Amino acid sequence: MSIQKIEGGTITTPKGFLAGATYAGLKTSGAGVLDLGILYSQAPCASAALFTTNQIKSASVLISKRHLAIGPARCVVVNSGCANAVTGEKGLADAAQMTSLAAAKAGLLPQQVVVASTGVIGVPLNMEKIEKGIPALSPSPQGGHDLARAIMTTDTRPKEVAMSLEIDGIPVIVAGVAKGAGMIHPQMATMLCFLTTDAAVEAAFLRYALNEAVDASFNMMTVDGDTSPNDTVVLLANGQAGNRQIERDAADAADFQAALGQVCLHLAQAILRDAEGATRLLQVMVSGAATQTEARLAARTIAASPLVKAAVHGGDPNWGRVVAAVGRSGAQVAPERIDLYLGSLCLLQGGSPTPFSPREAAQLMAQKEVAFHLHLGLGSGEATAWGCDLSEGYVTINSAYTT
């Protein structure tokens, strides 16, 4: 199997998908600013979706879940500049109206549309602007790049990717766009992520594949420990590539799963590289855990630790913070069995510090990508989590978000 990244690829690179975006006036105007978009398939789709586990859920999440309970989605309508969260019955009515407007634009039924919103919580949508904006959209096979820009909030650049592989000897494409820079500590997905494929995929396997891909990518990243009421990931599969339908026990199921996983991981890492105020990417590998679940718990706790993140920002090889974080993670730990590496530099072996060059450690901590590997010596569980440093820039952005 060979999975290839498509240069310049985006969410409309798979066959049969159209997207478009416009500036409706929901965000502050500026050169190239977009804030309202649509994505849909020209053919029926299988679909899968995951949403925030935050008990405060946006109107967009509630309406989308309601529609998906009726049947598969074929269209996504999305706005930035307003989260439409904690907006009461009006918020629900506004989200539903967005799906009706998008359905009319795409020639679909409202229940075939999911809606996503991102921006400030507690502010109602400006429906007058949305009611003018959606009919004015001009979806096209080239519109994926604009959609990636329209979902940005504090992001400094769009996140998009497309990967190709062969299924049954037929080329198929898996692609996606995502947004997120802050309020990132997902327990299902990132703030917003939309995925498409022209592969024919059986619906039950599509849901399974999405869960697996999200668990190993978006659910293993953290920026600041906060989760959003709006977290949404949607995957649409329209079968336009012409392959035989992929089911869970099919020979090509693992290949499709791998491609979807690579797309999700690429987008997750793109979010972390663009995280609010971030200057360094943090990778935490945990092996030798009692179980994979405990390995994930340990890795994610370390990546989310404010003390570890601050040390990474300062290039300070204060490795005790890593060990302290794993000790409070809830994962089983035997201190006398722990090995810890910074890159290839051994800092701790069998629970005892090893002689190492502080200068070499400081140089490794000053890299754009800082990697810790913790071996717990208790079993075969392993996992990798990703995070970023904690900087003054993050505090500045989030101390004046609405003012």
Foldseek 3Di string as FASTA:
>chain_A
DDKAWDVVDFQLPFPFKWKWWAALPLDDDDPLATWKMKMFGPFDWQKAKDWAPPPFAALLVVLLVVLVVVHEAGMEIEGENEQNTPAPPQSNVLNLVLLPLLCVQSVHDSSNYGYFYYHDHPDHDPSVSSSVGSNPIDIDSPRRLSVQNNREDLFPHWAKIKMWDDDPNFIKIKIKTDYAAPLAQGPQAGLEMEIEIQAAEDNVLVNVLSRVLCVFASNQEDEAPGHDSGRMYMYIYRNNSVHDYDDCPDPCSVVVSVNSNVNRNSRRVVNQVRHQPFQAKEKEKEWQFQAQVLQSLLQSQLQNDQVNQQCLVVLHPPCVSSVVSSVPSPTDADLQCKWKDWVNRTQAHSNHGDDDDRVVSSVLSPDRYTYMYMYRNHHGHMGMHMYTHDDPRNVVCVVPVPD
